[in-house]
């Protein structure tokens, strides 16, 4: 019986210990169940956050690509702006050169070579005509000078004869006057 009484005492001890610690065990069981629920919630939250992070990382890589493309496009646009500025300056320079060339062409068309050659040919013809007319006039002048020189000689000869005849006539007149007197 001793053993039965020991067994009873052990059962009582177990029941008393159980009664003493049952509240703690229930609290720990509730806490354990709560922790498991929290763990499950946390795992669900972590899974959801992992899914969100995966989505965001995919979107972030897309955003990074878009940002890189934006930078590249911005650099291209800056380069194109510089090119446009260069082309505008070149266009202005070419327009200035074009204006100068147009002025040169205008000046050169004033001196149209075909028209000038035609005028030169016409002027040569007129010069030839005037030269031939001048030569004819020169011949006529030379002939007139020669005739004039001949006539001057004749006039001089005639004056000399008149001078010779005048003294004779004067003598004859004086004689006639003397006779008449």
Protein backbone atom coordinates (compact mmCIF):
# COMPACT_ATOMS: atom_id res chain seq x y z
CA UNK A 1 0.00 0.00 0.00
CA UNK A 2 2.84 2.10 0.48
CA UNK A 3 3.28 2.15 -3.10
CA UNK A 4 -0.34 2.97 -3.69
CA UNK A 5 -0.14 5.77 -1.22
CA UNK A 6 3.05 7.00 -2.89
CA UNK A 7 1.32 6.68 -6.17
CA UNK A 8 -1.61 8.67 -4.88
CA UNK A 9 0.76 11.29 -3.51
CA UNK A 10 2.52 11.47 -6.82
CA UNK A 11 -0.82 11.85 -8.62
CA UNK A 12 -1.86 14.49 -6.12
CA UNK A 13 1.48 16.20 -6.57
CA UNK A 14 1.04 15.99 -10.30
CA UNK A 15 -2.47 17.39 -10.03
CA UNK A 16 -1.35 20.15 -7.70
CA UNK A 17 1.57 20.96 -9.95
CA UNK A 18 -0.76 20.78 -12.88
CA UNK A 19 -3.22 23.06 -11.13
CA UNK A 20 -0.44 25.46 -10.21
CA UNK A 21 1.10 25.48 -13.59
CA UNK A 22 -2.06 24.93 -15.66
CA UNK A 23 -2.66 28.66 -15.85
CA UNK A 24 0.91 29.16 -16.99
CA UNK A 25 0.59 26.25 -19.42
CA UNK A 26 -2.68 27.64 -20.80
CA UNK A 27 -1.09 31.08 -21.06
CA UNK A 28 1.94 29.60 -22.79
CA UNK A 29 -0.32 27.54 -25.09
CA UNK A 30 -2.33 30.65 -25.95
CA UNK A 31 0.89 32.58 -26.40
CA UNK A 32 2.27 29.77 -28.53
CA UNK A 33 -0.91 29.71 -30.65
CA UNK A 34 -0.75 33.50 -30.91
CA UNK A 35 2.91 33.32 -31.90
CA UNK A 36 2.08 30.70 -34.51
CA UNK A 37 -0.73 32.92 -35.81
CA UNK A 38 1.65 35.90 -35.81
CA UNK A 39 4.25 33.73 -37.54
CA UNK A 40 1.71 32.72 -40.19
CA UNK A 41 0.65 36.37 -40.58
CA UNK A 42 4.28 37.42 -40.79
CA UNK A 43 4.98 34.72 -43.36
CA UNK A 44 1.93 35.86 -45.36
CA UNK A 45 3.09 39.49 -45.02
CA UNK A 46 6.63 38.48 -46.02
CA UNK A 47 5.28 36.55 -49.02
CA UNK A 48 3.15 39.55 -49.98
CA UNK A 49 6.11 41.92 -49.49
CA UNK A 50 8.34 39.57 -51.49
CA UNK A 51 5.78 39.63 -54.27
CA UNK A 52 5.59 43.43 -54.04
CA UNK A 53 9.41 43.70 -54.00
CA UNK A 54 9.62 41.42 -57.03
CA UNK A 55 7.04 43.60 -58.79
CA UNK A 56 8.81 46.78 -57.71
CA UNK A 57 12.23 45.50 -58.70
CA UNK A 58 10.84 44.63 -62.14
CA UNK A 59 9.27 48.08 -62.32
CA UNK A 60 12.46 49.62 -60.97
CA UNK A 61 14.52 47.95 -63.68
CA UNK A 62 11.99 49.25 -66.23
CA UNK A 63 12.24 52.69 -64.59
CA UNK A 64 16.04 52.51 -64.70
CA UNK A 65 15.88 51.62 -68.38
CA UNK A 66 13.47 54.50 -68.98
CA UNK A 67 15.73 56.89 -67.05
CA UNK A 68 18.74 55.70 -69.09
CA UNK A 69 16.77 56.15 -72.31
CA UNK A 70 15.67 59.61 -71.13
CA UNK A 71 19.30 60.57 -70.45
CA UNK A 72 20.36 59.25 -73.85
CA UNK A 73 17.52 61.08 -75.56
CA UNK A 74 18.37 64.26 -73.66
CA UNK A 75 22.01 63.98 -74.75
CA UNK A 76 20.90 63.34 -78.32
CA UNK A 77 18.61 66.35 -78.24
CA UNK A 78 21.44 68.52 -76.89
CA UNK A 79 23.73 67.26 -79.65
CA UNK A 80 21.03 67.92 -82.22
CA UNK A 81 20.52 71.44 -80.85
CA UNK A 82 24.25 72.04 -81.25
CA UNK A 83 24.09 70.60 -84.76
CA UNK A 84 21.10 72.81 -85.61
CA UNK A 85 22.98 75.85 -84.32
CA UNK A 86 26.00 74.90 -86.43
CA UNK A 87 23.80 74.32 -89.47
CA UNK A 88 22.08 77.69 -88.95
CA UNK A 89 25.45 79.44 -88.84
CA UNK A 90 26.55 77.54 -91.94
CA UNK A 91 23.28 78.44 -93.67
CA UNK A 92 23.81 82.13 -92.84
CA UNK A 93 27.37 81.96 -94.18
CA UNK A 94 26.17 80.23 -97.35
CA UNK A 95 23.38 82.79 -97.79
CA UNK A 96 25.95 85.57 -97.44
CA UNK A 97 28.17 83.87 -100.03
CA UNK A 98 25.14 83.38 -102.27
CA UNK A 99 24.37 87.11 -102.04
CA UNK A 100 27.95 87.95 -102.95
CA UNK A 101 27.88 85.51 -105.88
CA UNK A 102 24.58 87.00 -107.05
CA UNK A 103 26.14 90.48 -106.94
CA UNK A 104 29.12 89.20 -108.93
CA UNK A 105 26.80 87.56 -111.45
CA UNK A 106 24.83 90.80 -111.69
CA UNK A 107 28.05 92.73 -112.27
CA UNK A 108 29.20 90.17 -114.81
CA UNK A 109 25.89 90.19 -116.65
CA UNK A 110 26.29 93.94 -117.06
CA UNK A 111 29.30 93.06 -119.16
CA UNK A 112 27.62 90.39 -121.25
CA UNK A 113 30.47 88.98 -123.38
CA UNK A 114 28.24 88.17 -126.35
CA UNK A 115 26.74 91.63 -126.35
CA UNK A 116 30.16 93.22 -125.81
CA UNK A 117 31.63 91.21 -128.72
CA UNK A 118 28.76 92.30 -130.95
CA UNK A 119 29.32 95.92 -129.88
CA UNK A 120 33.06 95.50 -130.48
CA UNK A 121 32.43 94.12 -133.97
CA UNK A 122 30.04 97.00 -134.70
CA UNK A 123 32.58 99.51 -133.35
CA UNK A 124 35.32 97.93 -135.51
CA UNK A 125 33.12 98.28 -138.59
CA UNK A 126 32.35 101.90 -137.77
CA UNK A 127 36.04 102.54 -137.09
CA UNK A 128 36.97 100.96 -140.43
CA UNK A 129 34.35 103.11 -142.18
CA UNK A 130 35.55 106.24 -140.40
CA UNK A 131 39.17 105.33 -141.12
CA UNK A 132 38.44 104.88 -144.81
CA UNK A 133 36.46 108.14 -144.80
CA UNK A 134 39.33 109.81 -142.94
CA UNK A 135 41.85 108.48 -145.50
CA UNK A 136 39.67 109.80 -148.32
CA UNK A 137 39.42 113.15 -146.56
CA UNK A 138 43.18 113.11 -145.93
CA UNK A 139 43.82 112.44 -149.64
CA UNK A 140 41.39 115.17 -150.53
CA UNK A 141 43.10 117.51 -148.03
CA UNK A 142 46.53 116.66 -149.40
CA UNK A 143 45.27 117.28 -152.95
CA UNK A 144 43.65 120.52 -151.83
CA UNK A 145 46.89 121.57 -150.10
CA UNK A 146 48.84 120.74 -153.23
CA UNK A 147 46.34 122.66 -155.37
CA UNK A 148 46.44 125.52 -152.84
CA UNK A 149 50.24 125.52 -152.96
CA UNK A 150 50.10 125.59 -156.76
CA UNK A 151 47.55 128.38 -156.66
CA UNK A 152 49.67 130.29 -154.13
CA UNK A 153 52.62 129.94 -156.46
CA UNK A 154 50.53 131.21 -159.35
CA UNK A 155 49.21 134.07 -157.19
CA UNK A 156 52.80 134.91 -156.22
CA UNK A 157 53.84 134.79 -159.87
CA UNK A 158 50.89 136.91 -160.88
CA UNK A 159 51.61 139.40 -158.10
CA UNK A 160 55.19 139.55 -159.29
CA UNK A 161 53.97 140.21 -162.83
CA UNK A 162 51.51 142.76 -161.56
CA UNK A 163 54.31 144.41 -159.68
CA UNK A 164 56.34 144.49 -162.89
CA UNK A 165 53.45 145.77 -164.90
CA UNK A 166 52.44 148.40 -162.42
CA UNK A 167 55.54 150.49 -162.82
CA UNK A 168 55.02 150.37 -166.57
CA UNK A 169 51.42 151.34 -166.19
CA UNK A 170 52.28 154.07 -163.79
CA UNK A 171 54.76 155.40 -166.26
CA UNK A 172 52.18 155.21 -168.99
CA UNK A 173 49.65 156.96 -166.80
CA UNK A 174 52.13 159.62 -165.90
CA UNK A 175 52.91 160.05 -169.49
CA UNK A 176 49.28 160.31 -170.34
CA UNK A 177 48.78 162.79 -167.58
CA UNK A 178 51.74 164.72 -168.72
CA UNK A 179 50.42 164.75 -172.23
CA UNK A 180 47.07 165.74 -171.11
CA UNK A 181 48.47 168.50 -169.09
